[in-house]
Amino acid sequence: MNFIIWLIVGGLVGWIASMIMRTDAQQGVLLNIVVGIVGAAIAGWLISPLVGVPSINTGFSVGSFVVSLLGAIVLLGIVNLFRRGRVR
């Protein structure tokens, strides 16, 4: 059950991040899930120690959702930087 919730929340995080970064038309549901989960992993590694809030990989709360969203935005910014030469 936790795995299904992890996929749903990861997809939601990836979808919101892709809307913020304006890459939503280029991505499908599967890529949104991947961006959300990998973004949460990046957030757990980079952002969580700075703010003291875990990412969605360890448990779900509003703070963990925001931290994971920031990680997904960072991930999409890095991808855009390499694909287009600018963050957007």
Protein backbone atom coordinates (compact mmCIF):
# COMPACT_ATOMS: atom_id res chain seq x y z
CA MET A 1 0.00 0.00 0.00
CA ASN A 2 2.83 2.43 0.80
CA PHE A 3 4.30 1.80 -2.66
CA ILE A 4 1.05 2.85 -4.35
CA ILE A 5 0.82 6.00 -2.24
CA TRP A 6 4.48 6.71 -3.03
CA LEU A 7 3.74 6.45 -6.78
CA ILE A 8 0.64 8.65 -6.56
CA VAL A 9 2.33 11.37 -4.50
CA GLY A 10 5.46 11.16 -6.68
CA GLY A 11 3.30 11.60 -9.77
CA LEU A 12 1.54 14.56 -8.21
CA VAL A 13 4.85 16.18 -7.24
CA GLY A 14 6.25 15.59 -10.73
CA TRP A 15 3.13 16.97 -12.39
CA ILE A 16 3.09 20.16 -10.29
CA ALA A 17 6.83 20.65 -10.85
CA SER A 18 6.41 20.20 -14.61
CA MET A 19 3.61 22.78 -14.62
CA ILE A 20 5.79 25.24 -12.69
CA MET A 21 8.74 24.67 -15.04
CA ARG A 22 6.46 24.69 -18.12
CA THR A 23 7.48 21.22 -19.33
CA ASP A 24 4.08 19.60 -18.79
CA ALA A 25 3.28 19.24 -22.51
CA GLN A 26 6.51 17.26 -23.08
CA GLN A 27 5.96 14.72 -20.30
CA GLY A 28 3.51 11.93 -19.75
CA VAL A 29 2.25 10.32 -16.58
CA LEU A 30 5.18 7.91 -16.30
CA LEU A 31 7.78 10.65 -16.63
CA ASN A 32 5.92 12.77 -14.06
CA ILE A 33 6.14 9.87 -11.60
CA VAL A 34 9.86 9.44 -12.31
CA VAL A 35 10.50 13.18 -11.92
CA GLY A 36 8.58 13.23 -8.62
CA ILE A 37 10.39 10.25 -7.13
CA VAL A 38 13.87 11.24 -8.34
CA GLY A 39 13.18 14.84 -7.29
CA ALA A 40 12.23 13.58 -3.84
CA ALA A 41 15.50 11.64 -3.68
CA ILE A 42 17.44 14.76 -4.64
CA ALA A 43 15.50 16.74 -2.03
CA GLY A 44 16.27 14.14 0.60
CA TRP A 45 19.94 14.43 -0.20
CA LEU A 46 20.32 18.20 -0.72
CA ILE A 47 17.40 20.14 0.75
CA SER A 48 16.30 18.07 3.75
CA PRO A 49 19.52 18.53 5.75
CA LEU A 50 19.27 22.30 5.23
CA VAL A 51 15.69 22.73 6.42
CA GLY A 52 15.31 19.69 8.67
CA VAL A 53 12.21 18.35 6.90
CA PRO A 54 12.29 14.89 5.28
CA SER A 55 11.18 14.22 1.70
CA ILE A 56 8.21 12.04 0.73
CA ASN A 57 10.55 9.04 0.58
CA THR A 58 10.49 8.79 4.38
CA GLY A 59 6.94 9.88 5.20
CA PHE A 60 4.17 12.12 3.98
CA SER A 61 3.43 15.57 5.38
CA VAL A 62 2.91 19.04 3.93
CA GLY A 63 6.54 19.92 4.63
CA SER A 64 7.81 16.78 2.94
CA PHE A 65 5.57 17.50 -0.06
CA VAL A 66 7.05 21.01 -0.42
CA VAL A 67 10.62 19.74 -0.02
CA SER A 68 10.02 17.03 -2.63
CA LEU A 69 8.46 19.60 -4.96
CA LEU A 70 11.56 21.77 -4.63
CA GLY A 71 13.72 18.75 -5.45
CA ALA A 72 11.64 17.99 -8.55
CA ILE A 73 11.90 21.63 -9.67
CA VAL A 74 15.68 21.48 -9.23
CA LEU A 75 15.77 18.26 -11.27
CA LEU A 76 13.72 19.77 -14.11
CA GLY A 77 15.89 22.89 -14.05
CA ILE A 78 19.01 20.77 -14.45
CA VAL A 79 17.41 18.77 -17.28
CA ASN A 80 16.36 21.98 -19.06
CA LEU A 81 19.84 23.39 -18.63
CA PHE A 82 21.38 20.43 -20.44
CA ARG A 83 18.66 20.13 -23.10
CA ARG A 84 18.26 23.79 -24.03
CA GLY A 85 21.28 25.52 -22.56
CA ARG A 86 19.10 27.59 -20.20
CA VAL A 87 16.96 26.90 -17.15
CA ARG A 88 13.84 28.77 -18.41
